[in-house]
Every structure is written in C-alpha cells, then in structure tokens.
C-alpha cells in the first residue's frame, strides 16, 4: 500500500480470512458447523465490542462535550466491531464477501424505499444531534403540555421519562416538528407569575409589600441577588409585585418571582400562595382579597312600563307610571346614596 492511500476494508478482511482458514479446515463441510462457526465468531465480536466500549467510554466522553453524541459514537464503534467479526466469520464458512456486500447493497436499497419514515427519523436525529436543542438529563415540555426528562437520544428516536413515571418514545421526525421547550438548558432558573386580586378599598402599597415578603419567604424561591440576564434584558432576581390590571371588582396584582429549579413549579407556586394567604391573615394592614361581585344602582328615571293583564279581553296593555313603582319600592331598605350594598 502506497503512503497516503487508504486501506480497502474488504481486502483486509479477505487477507485475515486467508490466514485463519487453515485453523478451521473442516468447518465448511457441514452447513450446521458453518452456521455454528459464524454464530460463535459473531458472538465473539459482539463481546469484544462491549469491552471496547467500556475501555473507550471515558476518552470518548472527554472528547465530545455532549453526552448524546458520545453515546452515538460508542454505538457506532460497537456496530463496526460486530460487523467486522461477522464478515470474518462469513469468509471462513466460504461465503464470498463481494456477493455479501452486493446483496447487502441491494437489500439496503429495497429497505430504504420501504422504510422511508425510518430514514427520515435518522436524518432528523442527525439534525437534533447537530442543533443541540436539548441534552440528556434536561427537562423539556412538549407542545401538548407533557413534561419530562430526556433519558436517551439516538439517531432514530428520543426517549423521555415523564414526571408521571412513564416513558415516551418519540421518533425524531415527530419531535423535531413539535414545539419543545427546554426548561433546564444552561440556566435552570425559571421565572413564574402569580396573580392576586385585592379590593379597591385595600391599601395597595401594603398589599404589594406583603406579597413580595411572602414570595421571599417561600422555599425554592430566589430571594434576591444580581439581576438575571436573558438575552439583552435584565430582570430583578428578587420577587417583585406589580399592579397588573384594574378589574371590574378588584385590583389585580401580579407577582413575578424566580425559582432555582424548574422541576417542581407547581410545588413552588403552592408554597408562594400559602405564604401570601398567611401574610394577609396575620397582617393588621387594610388589605383584603377580592371576590367577584356587583353593585346594582337604581334611580328614579321617568318613564312608562306597559303591563299586560290577563283580564283584558282585547289584549290591550295599560300604561303604568314608573313613579308608582318607585313609590312602592321606597319602603325597601337602601343605602343613603341609593346603592344596594
């Protein structure tokens, strides 16, 4: 072989088979013995491939930063070693390597047509490994709201271990077209929002202070520190309460707070709400949570109402002055301003 020329793998295997053939002179005389020899050599190759993966695991993991890519490289090493021993066994039992390669090529072409979706998953798997949208161990949320941890990424599928203790295996072409939210990428801190409705009669400043103090006291909530940067924007790390909206029957206050782990958002939200409830109950400030209600206001606007009587033979309706209705309702208790409290 000349310098700079790559070795031909088929010729290498043939040369190795020619050297090993004298060690097995009678194996080709019986198909059963030939099959047994082929199975033994393939099993030997598979066993050696597993040991090779164990030996190369750490060096490959150090070479490739991403765990998913390192796993794919180790899988390829295992498959290459097993295939190498399979071809050696095929040569020892007098199977022509050229015919084997040709048969595999034709078979692969047929399978490629039949299994086009699988090929699509493999291609999308390569894109996923290159784009790095998520990594093994990350917590992700799918488009339908399913949350879980990425357990394995292959060139064909992605396996997700959900928070409901179930496994989801998604083909890569499906998950690549879906909306996937990575909840634990480089920075695991996540911002949550909580709305609290207080009455218009409440002390708004006191309510905001109580809500912020409740957020700081909740377990798992970041109390403060340097601002958290997202892109070119910076957000306060401490819980901050804002006046969000003036509703029909309440002032809506929104608390924005950060949690150090995104895995138990419902638990963190429950702790914050419990702390707010306790703070409102223990405080002497004029703060009250609101509930939906309406004030109905009646006035003495003049007008007429037509009332139909059953006794009217001709179906005529007689007019009744609205002032009479006001006089009849004057005895009903009402507030000084005419408002039904």
Protein backbone atom coordinates (compact mmCIF):
# COMPACT_ATOMS: atom_id res chain seq x y z
CA UNK A 1 0.00 0.00 0.00
CA UNK A 2 1.40 3.38 -1.00
CA UNK A 3 1.74 6.20 1.51
CA UNK A 4 -1.39 8.31 1.77
CA UNK A 5 -3.59 5.54 0.32
CA UNK A 6 -6.49 4.33 2.48
CA UNK A 7 -6.72 0.56 3.06
CA UNK A 8 -9.53 -1.39 1.43
CA UNK A 9 -11.56 -2.94 4.27
CA UNK A 10 -12.79 -5.85 2.13
CA UNK A 11 -9.23 -6.79 1.11
CA UNK A 12 -8.14 -6.56 4.73
CA UNK A 13 -10.89 -8.95 5.79
CA UNK A 14 -10.08 -11.34 2.94
CA UNK A 15 -6.41 -11.36 3.90
CA UNK A 16 -7.30 -12.06 7.51
CA UNK A 17 -9.66 -14.87 6.46
CA UNK A 18 -6.94 -16.49 4.35
CA UNK A 19 -4.64 -16.54 7.36
CA UNK A 20 -7.27 -18.01 9.68
CA UNK A 21 -8.71 -20.55 7.22
CA UNK A 22 -6.08 -23.28 7.94
CA UNK A 23 -7.17 -23.26 11.58
CA UNK A 24 -10.69 -24.41 10.60
CA UNK A 25 -10.21 -26.94 7.76
CA UNK A 26 -13.38 -28.99 8.25
CA UNK A 27 -15.92 -26.36 9.24
CA UNK A 28 -17.10 -25.77 5.66
CA UNK A 29 -18.06 -29.42 5.11
CA UNK A 30 -21.30 -29.14 7.06
CA UNK A 31 -23.83 -26.28 6.86
CA UNK A 32 -24.64 -26.72 10.54
CA UNK A 33 -20.98 -26.44 11.52
CA UNK A 34 -20.57 -23.44 9.24
CA UNK A 35 -23.52 -21.69 10.83
CA UNK A 36 -22.21 -22.53 14.30
CA UNK A 37 -18.79 -21.09 13.44
CA UNK A 38 -20.40 -17.95 12.05
CA UNK A 39 -22.51 -17.54 15.20
CA UNK A 40 -19.53 -18.09 17.51
CA UNK A 41 -17.36 -15.55 15.70
CA UNK A 42 -20.19 -13.00 15.64
CA UNK A 43 -20.81 -13.53 19.36
CA UNK A 44 -17.10 -13.09 20.00
CA UNK A 45 -17.15 -9.84 18.07
CA UNK A 46 -20.17 -8.59 20.00
CA UNK A 47 -18.50 -9.42 23.32
CA UNK A 48 -15.29 -7.69 22.31
CA UNK A 49 -17.28 -4.67 21.15
CA UNK A 50 -18.81 -4.31 24.60
CA UNK A 51 -15.38 -4.40 26.23
CA UNK A 52 -14.12 -1.88 23.69
CA UNK A 53 -16.99 0.46 24.53
CA UNK A 54 -16.14 0.19 28.22
CA UNK A 55 -12.50 0.99 27.55
CA UNK A 56 -13.25 3.86 25.21
CA UNK A 57 -16.17 5.28 27.19
CA UNK A 58 -14.26 7.87 29.19
CA UNK A 59 -11.92 9.01 26.39
CA UNK A 60 -14.87 9.45 24.02
CA UNK A 61 -16.86 11.30 26.70
CA UNK A 62 -13.95 13.68 27.23
CA UNK A 63 -13.55 14.18 23.51
CA UNK A 64 -17.21 15.01 22.92
CA UNK A 65 -18.81 17.51 25.26
CA UNK A 66 -22.38 16.31 24.66
CA UNK A 67 -23.38 13.02 26.21
CA UNK A 68 -25.79 12.16 23.38
CA UNK A 69 -23.06 12.50 20.72
CA UNK A 70 -20.65 10.41 22.80
CA UNK A 71 -23.25 7.66 23.10
CA UNK A 72 -23.82 7.64 19.34
CA UNK A 73 -20.07 7.33 18.71
CA UNK A 74 -19.85 4.39 21.11
CA UNK A 75 -22.81 2.73 19.41
CA UNK A 76 -21.11 3.09 16.04
CA UNK A 77 -17.90 1.59 17.44
CA UNK A 78 -19.82 -1.38 18.79
CA UNK A 79 -21.64 -1.91 15.50
CA UNK A 80 -18.42 -1.63 13.47
CA UNK A 81 -16.60 -4.23 15.58
CA UNK A 82 -19.53 -6.64 15.46
CA UNK A 83 -19.87 -6.23 11.68
CA UNK A 84 -16.13 -6.77 11.26
CA UNK A 85 -16.26 -10.14 13.03
CA UNK A 86 -19.42 -11.07 11.15
CA UNK A 87 -17.64 -10.59 7.83
CA UNK A 88 -14.68 -12.62 9.08
CA UNK A 89 -16.98 -15.48 10.03
CA UNK A 90 -18.72 -15.28 6.66
CA UNK A 91 -15.36 -15.60 4.92
CA UNK A 92 -14.37 -18.63 7.00
CA UNK A 93 -17.52 -20.51 6.00
CA UNK A 94 -16.78 -19.87 2.29
CA UNK A 95 -19.24 -17.04 1.75
CA UNK A 96 -18.00 -14.65 -0.93
CA UNK A 97 -17.52 -11.23 0.61
CA UNK A 98 -18.17 -9.49 -2.69
CA UNK A 99 -21.52 -11.22 -3.04
CA UNK A 100 -22.33 -10.38 0.56
CA UNK A 101 -21.58 -6.70 0.01
CA UNK A 102 -23.61 -6.69 -3.22
CA UNK A 103 -26.53 -8.43 -1.52
CA UNK A 104 -26.39 -6.01 1.38
CA UNK A 105 -26.38 -3.08 -1.05
CA UNK A 106 -29.42 -4.33 -2.95
CA UNK A 107 -31.19 -5.22 0.26
CA UNK A 108 -30.43 -1.79 1.69
CA UNK A 109 -31.88 -0.11 -1.39
CA UNK A 110 -35.12 -2.07 -1.06
CA UNK A 111 -35.33 -1.46 2.66
CA UNK A 112 -34.63 2.24 2.10
CA UNK A 113 -37.69 2.51 -0.11
CA UNK A 114 -39.93 0.52 2.21
CA UNK A 115 -38.70 2.15 5.40
CA UNK A 116 -38.61 5.75 4.22
CA UNK A 117 -40.11 7.05 7.51
CA UNK A 118 -37.31 5.37 9.42
CA UNK A 119 -34.77 7.04 7.16
CA UNK A 120 -36.49 10.36 7.85
CA UNK A 121 -36.17 9.77 11.59
CA UNK A 122 -32.48 9.01 11.19
CA UNK A 123 -31.88 12.21 9.21
CA UNK A 124 -33.80 14.26 11.76
CA UNK A 125 -31.82 12.56 14.51
CA UNK A 126 -28.61 13.80 12.92
CA UNK A 127 -30.06 17.31 12.82
CA UNK A 128 -31.02 17.05 16.50
CA UNK A 129 -27.51 15.99 17.42
CA UNK A 130 -26.11 18.91 15.44
CA UNK A 131 -28.59 21.60 16.56
CA UNK A 132 -28.39 20.73 20.29
CA UNK A 133 -31.95 21.79 21.27
CA UNK A 134 -31.75 19.62 24.38
CA UNK A 135 -29.41 17.17 26.06
CA UNK A 136 -29.73 14.02 28.12
CA UNK A 137 -30.91 14.99 31.60
CA UNK A 138 -32.68 18.20 30.51
CA UNK A 139 -36.29 18.77 31.48
CA UNK A 140 -38.44 19.54 28.45
CA UNK A 141 -42.08 20.36 27.83
CA UNK A 142 -43.79 19.17 24.66
CA UNK A 143 -46.42 21.04 22.72
CA UNK A 144 -49.26 19.14 24.42
CA UNK A 145 -48.02 20.12 27.90
CA UNK A 146 -46.25 16.85 28.70
CA UNK A 147 -43.17 17.36 30.85
CA UNK A 148 -40.32 15.01 31.46
CA UNK A 149 -36.59 14.41 31.45
CA UNK A 150 -34.67 13.42 28.33
CA UNK A 151 -33.44 9.90 29.03
CA UNK A 152 -31.82 8.98 25.72
CA UNK A 153 -31.20 10.48 22.28
CA UNK A 154 -30.48 8.20 19.33
CA UNK A 155 -30.40 8.83 15.61
CA UNK A 156 -33.88 7.26 15.36
CA UNK A 157 -35.82 8.37 18.42
CA UNK A 158 -35.78 10.38 21.63
CA UNK A 159 -36.82 8.77 24.90
CA UNK A 160 -38.43 11.00 27.55
CA UNK A 161 -39.07 9.94 31.14
CA UNK A 162 -42.16 11.92 32.16
CA UNK A 163 -42.90 13.32 35.61
CA UNK A 164 -45.83 10.87 35.76
CA UNK A 165 -43.33 7.98 35.86
CA UNK A 166 -43.94 6.88 32.27
CA UNK A 167 -41.72 6.61 29.21
CA UNK A 168 -42.44 8.33 25.91
CA UNK A 169 -40.52 7.25 22.81
CA UNK A 170 -40.87 9.81 20.02
CA UNK A 171 -39.44 9.41 16.51
CA UNK A 172 -37.03 12.20 15.78
CA UNK A 173 -39.03 13.44 12.80
CA UNK A 174 -42.06 13.88 15.10
CA UNK A 175 -40.27 15.62 17.95
CA UNK A 176 -38.36 17.88 15.57
CA UNK A 177 -41.63 19.17 14.11
CA UNK A 178 -43.17 19.61 17.58
CA UNK A 179 -42.80 22.59 19.87
CA UNK A 180 -40.29 21.60 22.55
CA UNK A 181 -39.49 23.90 25.48
CA UNK A 182 -36.22 23.22 27.27
CA UNK A 183 -36.82 24.08 30.93
CA UNK A 184 -33.28 23.35 32.11
CA UNK A 185 -30.85 24.45 29.44
CA UNK A 186 -27.72 26.31 30.53
CA UNK A 187 -29.50 28.25 33.30
CA UNK A 188 -32.01 26.21 35.30
CA UNK A 189 -33.60 29.25 36.94
CA UNK A 190 -37.14 29.85 35.76
CA UNK A 191 -39.47 32.81 36.24
CA UNK A 192 -43.06 32.27 37.33
CA UNK A 193 -46.01 34.63 37.71
CA UNK A 194 -48.85 34.67 40.21
CA UNK A 195 -51.89 36.99 40.16
CA UNK A 196 -53.64 38.12 43.35
CA UNK A 197 -56.89 40.13 43.39
CA UNK A 198 -57.43 42.67 46.18
CA UNK A 199 -60.34 45.03 46.76
CA UNK A 200 -60.30 48.66 45.68
CA UNK A 201 -60.61 49.65 49.35
CA UNK A 202 -57.35 47.87 50.21
CA UNK A 203 -54.02 49.55 50.86
CA UNK A 204 -52.32 48.69 47.56
CA UNK A 205 -48.78 49.52 48.73
CA UNK A 206 -49.19 47.36 51.83
CA UNK A 207 -50.61 44.55 49.72
CA UNK A 208 -47.63 44.66 47.35
CA UNK A 209 -45.17 44.60 50.26
CA UNK A 210 -46.93 41.63 51.84
CA UNK A 211 -46.96 39.69 48.58
CA UNK A 212 -43.27 40.35 47.94
CA UNK A 213 -42.37 39.33 51.51
CA UNK A 214 -44.39 36.14 51.09
CA UNK A 215 -42.52 35.34 47.88
CA UNK A 216 -39.14 35.82 49.54
CA UNK A 217 -40.09 33.53 52.42
CA UNK A 218 -41.24 30.61 50.23
CA UNK A 219 -38.87 27.67 49.90
CA UNK A 220 -37.27 27.28 46.49
CA UNK A 221 -37.78 30.93 45.53
CA UNK A 222 -34.73 33.09 44.84
CA UNK A 223 -34.79 35.83 47.49
CA UNK A 224 -32.58 38.31 45.66
CA UNK A 225 -29.14 38.92 44.27
CA UNK A 226 -27.79 40.22 40.97
CA UNK A 227 -30.20 40.80 38.14
CA UNK A 228 -30.84 37.81 35.92
CA UNK A 229 -29.92 38.44 32.32
CA UNK A 230 -31.93 36.97 29.46
CA UNK A 231 -30.57 37.99 26.10
CA UNK A 232 -30.03 41.73 26.21
CA UNK A 233 -32.58 42.31 29.00
CA UNK A 234 -32.08 42.19 32.75
CA UNK A 235 -34.73 41.24 35.30
CA UNK A 236 -34.65 41.61 39.09
CA UNK A 237 -33.93 38.35 40.86
CA UNK A 238 -35.99 39.25 43.94
CA UNK A 239 -39.78 38.69 43.94
CA UNK A 240 -41.43 41.82 42.57
CA UNK A 241 -45.11 42.70 42.67
CA UNK A 242 -46.72 44.88 40.00
CA UNK A 243 -50.14 46.44 39.53
CA UNK A 244 -51.29 44.45 36.55
CA UNK A 245 -54.89 45.46 35.92
CA UNK A 246 -57.88 47.35 37.30
CA UNK A 247 -60.60 44.75 37.06
CA UNK A 248 -64.36 45.02 37.39
CA UNK A 249 -64.34 44.23 41.10
CA UNK A 250 -60.67 44.05 42.08
CA UNK A 251 -57.19 45.38 41.55
CA UNK A 252 -55.07 42.62 40.00
CA UNK A 253 -51.55 42.42 41.45
CA UNK A 254 -49.04 40.16 39.69
CA UNK A 255 -46.03 38.73 41.50
CA UNK A 256 -43.07 37.71 39.37
CA UNK A 257 -40.53 35.51 41.07
CA UNK A 258 -37.70 33.16 40.15
CA UNK A 259 -37.23 29.56 41.26
CA UNK A 260 -33.84 27.88 41.35
CA UNK A 261 -35.14 24.62 39.86
CA UNK A 262 -37.79 24.25 37.16
CA UNK A 263 -38.73 20.70 38.10
CA UNK A 264 -41.35 21.47 40.76
CA UNK A 265 -43.08 24.61 39.56
CA UNK A 266 -46.47 23.64 40.94
CA UNK A 267 -44.94 22.98 44.37
CA UNK A 268 -43.20 26.36 44.36
CA UNK A 269 -46.39 28.10 43.26
CA UNK A 270 -48.36 26.42 46.05
CA UNK A 271 -45.79 27.49 48.65
CA UNK A 272 -45.95 31.10 47.49
CA UNK A 273 -49.75 31.13 47.57
CA UNK A 274 -49.76 29.61 51.06
CA UNK A 275 -47.31 32.26 52.26
CA UNK A 276 -49.47 35.04 50.78
CA UNK A 277 -52.58 33.66 52.47
CA UNK A 278 -50.80 33.51 55.83
CA UNK A 279 -49.37 37.03 55.46
CA UNK A 280 -52.75 38.51 54.64
CA UNK A 281 -54.33 36.74 57.59
CA UNK A 282 -51.67 37.82 60.08
CA UNK A 283 -51.29 41.41 58.89
CA UNK A 284 -53.11 44.33 60.50
CA UNK A 285 -52.97 46.32 57.28
CA UNK A 286 -56.13 47.23 55.44
CA UNK A 287 -55.73 44.51 52.81
CA UNK A 288 -58.47 42.17 51.68
CA UNK A 289 -58.65 39.64 48.90
CA UNK A 290 -61.39 40.39 46.41
CA UNK A 291 -64.11 38.17 45.05
CA UNK A 292 -66.37 38.79 42.04
CA UNK A 293 -69.40 40.92 42.94
CA UNK A 294 -71.55 43.70 41.51
CA UNK A 295 -73.27 46.84 42.81
CA UNK A 296 -76.72 47.38 41.35
CA UNK A 297 -77.80 51.05 41.24
CA UNK A 298 -81.49 52.02 40.88
CA UNK A 299 -82.59 55.60 40.13
CA UNK A 300 -85.91 57.41 39.60
CA UNK A 301 -85.64 57.94 35.89
CA UNK A 302 -89.08 58.81 34.49
CA UNK A 303 -90.70 56.56 32.01
CA UNK A 304 -93.58 54.22 31.39
CA UNK A 305 -93.90 50.47 31.56
CA UNK A 306 -96.66 48.69 29.68
CA UNK A 307 -98.21 45.86 31.69
CA UNK A 308 -100.45 43.29 30.03
CA UNK A 309 -103.34 41.90 32.09
CA UNK A 310 -104.94 38.54 31.61
CA UNK A 311 -108.37 40.04 32.17
CA UNK A 312 -108.07 42.34 29.17
CA UNK A 313 -110.35 40.75 26.61
CA UNK A 314 -108.83 42.52 23.68
CA UNK A 315 -105.24 42.01 24.79
CA UNK A 316 -104.68 45.72 25.34
CA UNK A 317 -101.88 46.74 27.72
CA UNK A 318 -102.38 49.66 30.07
CA UNK A 319 -99.55 52.11 30.87
CA UNK A 320 -98.26 52.37 34.40
CA UNK A 321 -96.16 55.28 35.56
CA UNK A 322 -92.68 54.28 36.70
CA UNK A 323 -93.03 56.73 39.60
CA UNK A 324 -95.58 54.39 41.11
CA UNK A 325 -93.07 51.62 41.01
CA UNK A 326 -90.57 53.89 42.72
CA UNK A 327 -93.10 54.76 45.42
CA UNK A 328 -93.89 51.12 46.08
CA UNK A 329 -90.19 50.29 46.39
CA UNK A 330 -89.47 53.26 48.65
CA UNK A 331 -90.22 51.20 51.73
CA UNK A 332 -87.40 48.76 50.87
CA UNK A 333 -84.17 49.39 52.88
CA UNK A 334 -81.41 51.04 50.91
CA UNK A 335 -78.19 52.92 51.49
CA UNK A 336 -78.12 56.68 51.80
CA UNK A 337 -76.69 57.02 48.32
CA UNK A 338 -79.27 54.73 46.81
CA UNK A 339 -76.81 51.88 46.39
CA UNK A 340 -77.70 48.29 47.19
CA UNK A 341 -74.81 47.25 49.32
